[in-house]
Every structure is written in structure tokens, then in C-alpha cells.
Amino acid sequence: MGAPLTEVQKKNPETSIGSYPKFDGKNFSTDIVIRGRDAAIIAAAEADVISMIEAIGRLREEKQP
């Protein structure tokens, strides 16, 4: 997820995007945080992050037998 998220950050330079992986003892997860000063710019970055996550999901589905 690091490389695609870096591309999202490059596309949205007026934001700060961070990913915070977690493990609760049973499951792994990642919080993605988008910070910025303009709601429209944050919303655009959010849309790009959602598209990135969907693309990763499609790749995972393709790899499953």
C-alpha cells in the first residue's frame, strides 16, 4: 500500500496523508488520515484514497484462486 499511497500524496500536495498500521492481537488494519486546510482539497484526496483502496481490493481478488 505504500507505493500507491505515495502516488496519492504526490497528486494531492496540499494535503498531508498518513497511514497508521495496527494489530489488535487478531486482525491487522490501517488507519489512513488526510489533513489539509481546504475541505474541497481534502475531499479530492479522500476520493483518490478510496479509488486506491478499491484498486488494491481488485488486485487481491484477481490473485485469489
C-alpha atoms as a PDB file:
ATOM      1  CA  MET A   1       0.000   0.000   0.000  1.00  0.00           C
ATOM      2  CA  GLY A   2       2.990   2.290   0.480  1.00  0.00           C
ATOM      3  CA  ALA A   3       3.746   2.943  -3.187  1.00  0.00           C
ATOM      4  CA  PRO A   4       0.137   3.642  -4.242  1.00  0.00           C
ATOM      5  CA  LEU A   5      -0.364   5.912  -1.221  1.00  0.00           C
ATOM      6  CA  THR A   6       2.804   7.816  -2.140  1.00  0.00           C
ATOM      7  CA  GLU A   7       1.308   8.431  -5.585  1.00  0.00           C
ATOM      8  CA  VAL A   8      -1.917   9.715  -3.998  1.00  0.00           C
ATOM      9  CA  GLN A   9       0.156  12.074  -1.841  1.00  0.00           C
ATOM     10  CA  LYS A  10       2.057  13.358  -4.893  1.00  0.00           C
ATOM     11  CA  LYS A  11      -1.260  14.002  -6.658  1.00  0.00           C
ATOM     12  CA  ASN A  12      -2.550  15.936  -3.623  1.00  0.00           C
ATOM     13  CA  PRO A  13       0.411  18.058  -2.464  1.00  0.00           C
ATOM     14  CA  GLU A  14      -1.744  20.468  -0.436  1.00  0.00           C
ATOM     15  CA  THR A  15      -2.620  17.655   1.964  1.00  0.00           C
ATOM     16  CA  SER A  16      -0.739  15.559   4.460  1.00  0.00           C
ATOM     17  CA  ILE A  17      -1.632  11.883   4.218  1.00  0.00           C
ATOM     18  CA  GLY A  18      -0.524   9.348   6.786  1.00  0.00           C
ATOM     19  CA  SER A  19      -1.072   5.634   7.243  1.00  0.00           C
ATOM     20  CA  TYR A  20      -1.032   4.000  10.638  1.00  0.00           C
ATOM     21  CA  PRO A  21      -0.961   0.197  10.666  1.00  0.00           C
ATOM     22  CA  LYS A  22      -2.356  -1.615  13.705  1.00  0.00           C
ATOM     23  CA  PHE A  23      -2.587  -5.149  15.046  1.00  0.00           C
ATOM     24  CA  ASP A  24      -5.081  -5.849  17.825  1.00  0.00           C
ATOM     25  CA  GLY A  25      -3.875  -9.367  18.529  1.00  0.00           C
ATOM     26  CA  LYS A  26      -6.229 -10.905  15.984  1.00  0.00           C
ATOM     27  CA  ASN A  27      -6.505  -8.581  12.990  1.00  0.00           C
ATOM     28  CA  PHE A  28      -4.320  -6.212  11.052  1.00  0.00           C
ATOM     29  CA  SER A  29      -5.783  -2.879   9.928  1.00  0.00           C
ATOM     30  CA  THR A  30      -4.590   0.529   8.790  1.00  0.00           C
ATOM     31  CA  ASP A  31      -5.967   3.972   9.565  1.00  0.00           C
ATOM     32  CA  ILE A  32      -5.425   6.481   6.777  1.00  0.00           C
ATOM     33  CA  VAL A  33      -5.551  10.129   7.832  1.00  0.00           C
ATOM     34  CA  ILE A  34      -5.833  13.088   5.450  1.00  0.00           C
ATOM     35  CA  ARG A  35      -5.100  16.567   6.761  1.00  0.00           C
ATOM     36  CA  GLY A  36      -5.433  19.869   4.965  1.00  0.00           C
ATOM     37  CA  ARG A  37      -6.823  23.384   5.202  1.00  0.00           C
ATOM     38  CA  ASP A  38      -9.467  23.237   2.461  1.00  0.00           C
ATOM     39  CA  ALA A  39     -12.435  20.867   2.631  1.00  0.00           C
ATOM     40  CA  ALA A  40     -12.647  20.509  -1.168  1.00  0.00           C
ATOM     41  CA  ILE A  41      -8.968  19.573  -1.422  1.00  0.00           C
ATOM     42  CA  ILE A  42      -9.354  17.050   1.399  1.00  0.00           C
ATOM     43  CA  ALA A  43     -12.427  15.576  -0.324  1.00  0.00           C
ATOM     44  CA  ALA A  44     -10.473  15.184  -3.580  1.00  0.00           C
ATOM     45  CA  ALA A  45      -7.661  13.405  -1.734  1.00  0.00           C
ATOM     46  CA  GLU A  46     -10.231  11.210   0.010  1.00  0.00           C
ATOM     47  CA  ALA A  47     -11.696  10.198  -3.353  1.00  0.00           C
ATOM     48  CA  ASP A  48      -8.207   9.276  -4.563  1.00  0.00           C
ATOM     49  CA  VAL A  49      -7.567   7.197  -1.424  1.00  0.00           C
ATOM     50  CA  ILE A  50     -10.881   5.376  -1.877  1.00  0.00           C
ATOM     51  CA  SER A  51     -10.026   4.644  -5.511  1.00  0.00           C
ATOM     52  CA  MET A  52      -6.612   3.366  -4.416  1.00  0.00           C
ATOM     53  CA  ILE A  53      -8.182   1.024  -1.832  1.00  0.00           C
ATOM     54  CA  GLU A  54     -10.684  -0.277  -4.382  1.00  0.00           C
ATOM     55  CA  ALA A  55      -7.862  -0.943  -6.876  1.00  0.00           C
ATOM     56  CA  ILE A  56      -5.890  -2.855  -4.224  1.00  0.00           C
ATOM     57  CA  GLY A  57      -9.023  -4.888  -3.468  1.00  0.00           C
ATOM     58  CA  ARG A  58      -9.452  -5.771  -7.148  1.00  0.00           C
ATOM     59  CA  LEU A  59      -5.833  -6.893  -7.357  1.00  0.00           C
ATOM     60  CA  ARG A  60      -6.284  -9.126  -4.323  1.00  0.00           C
ATOM     61  CA  GLU A  61      -9.405 -10.680  -5.856  1.00  0.00           C
ATOM     62  CA  GLU A  62      -7.566 -11.371  -9.105  1.00  0.00           C
ATOM     63  CA  LYS A  63      -4.788 -13.182  -7.236  1.00  0.00           C
ATOM     64  CA  GLN A  64      -7.148 -15.497  -5.360  1.00  0.00           C
ATOM     65  CA  PRO A  65      -7.715 -18.913  -6.970  1.00  0.00           C
END
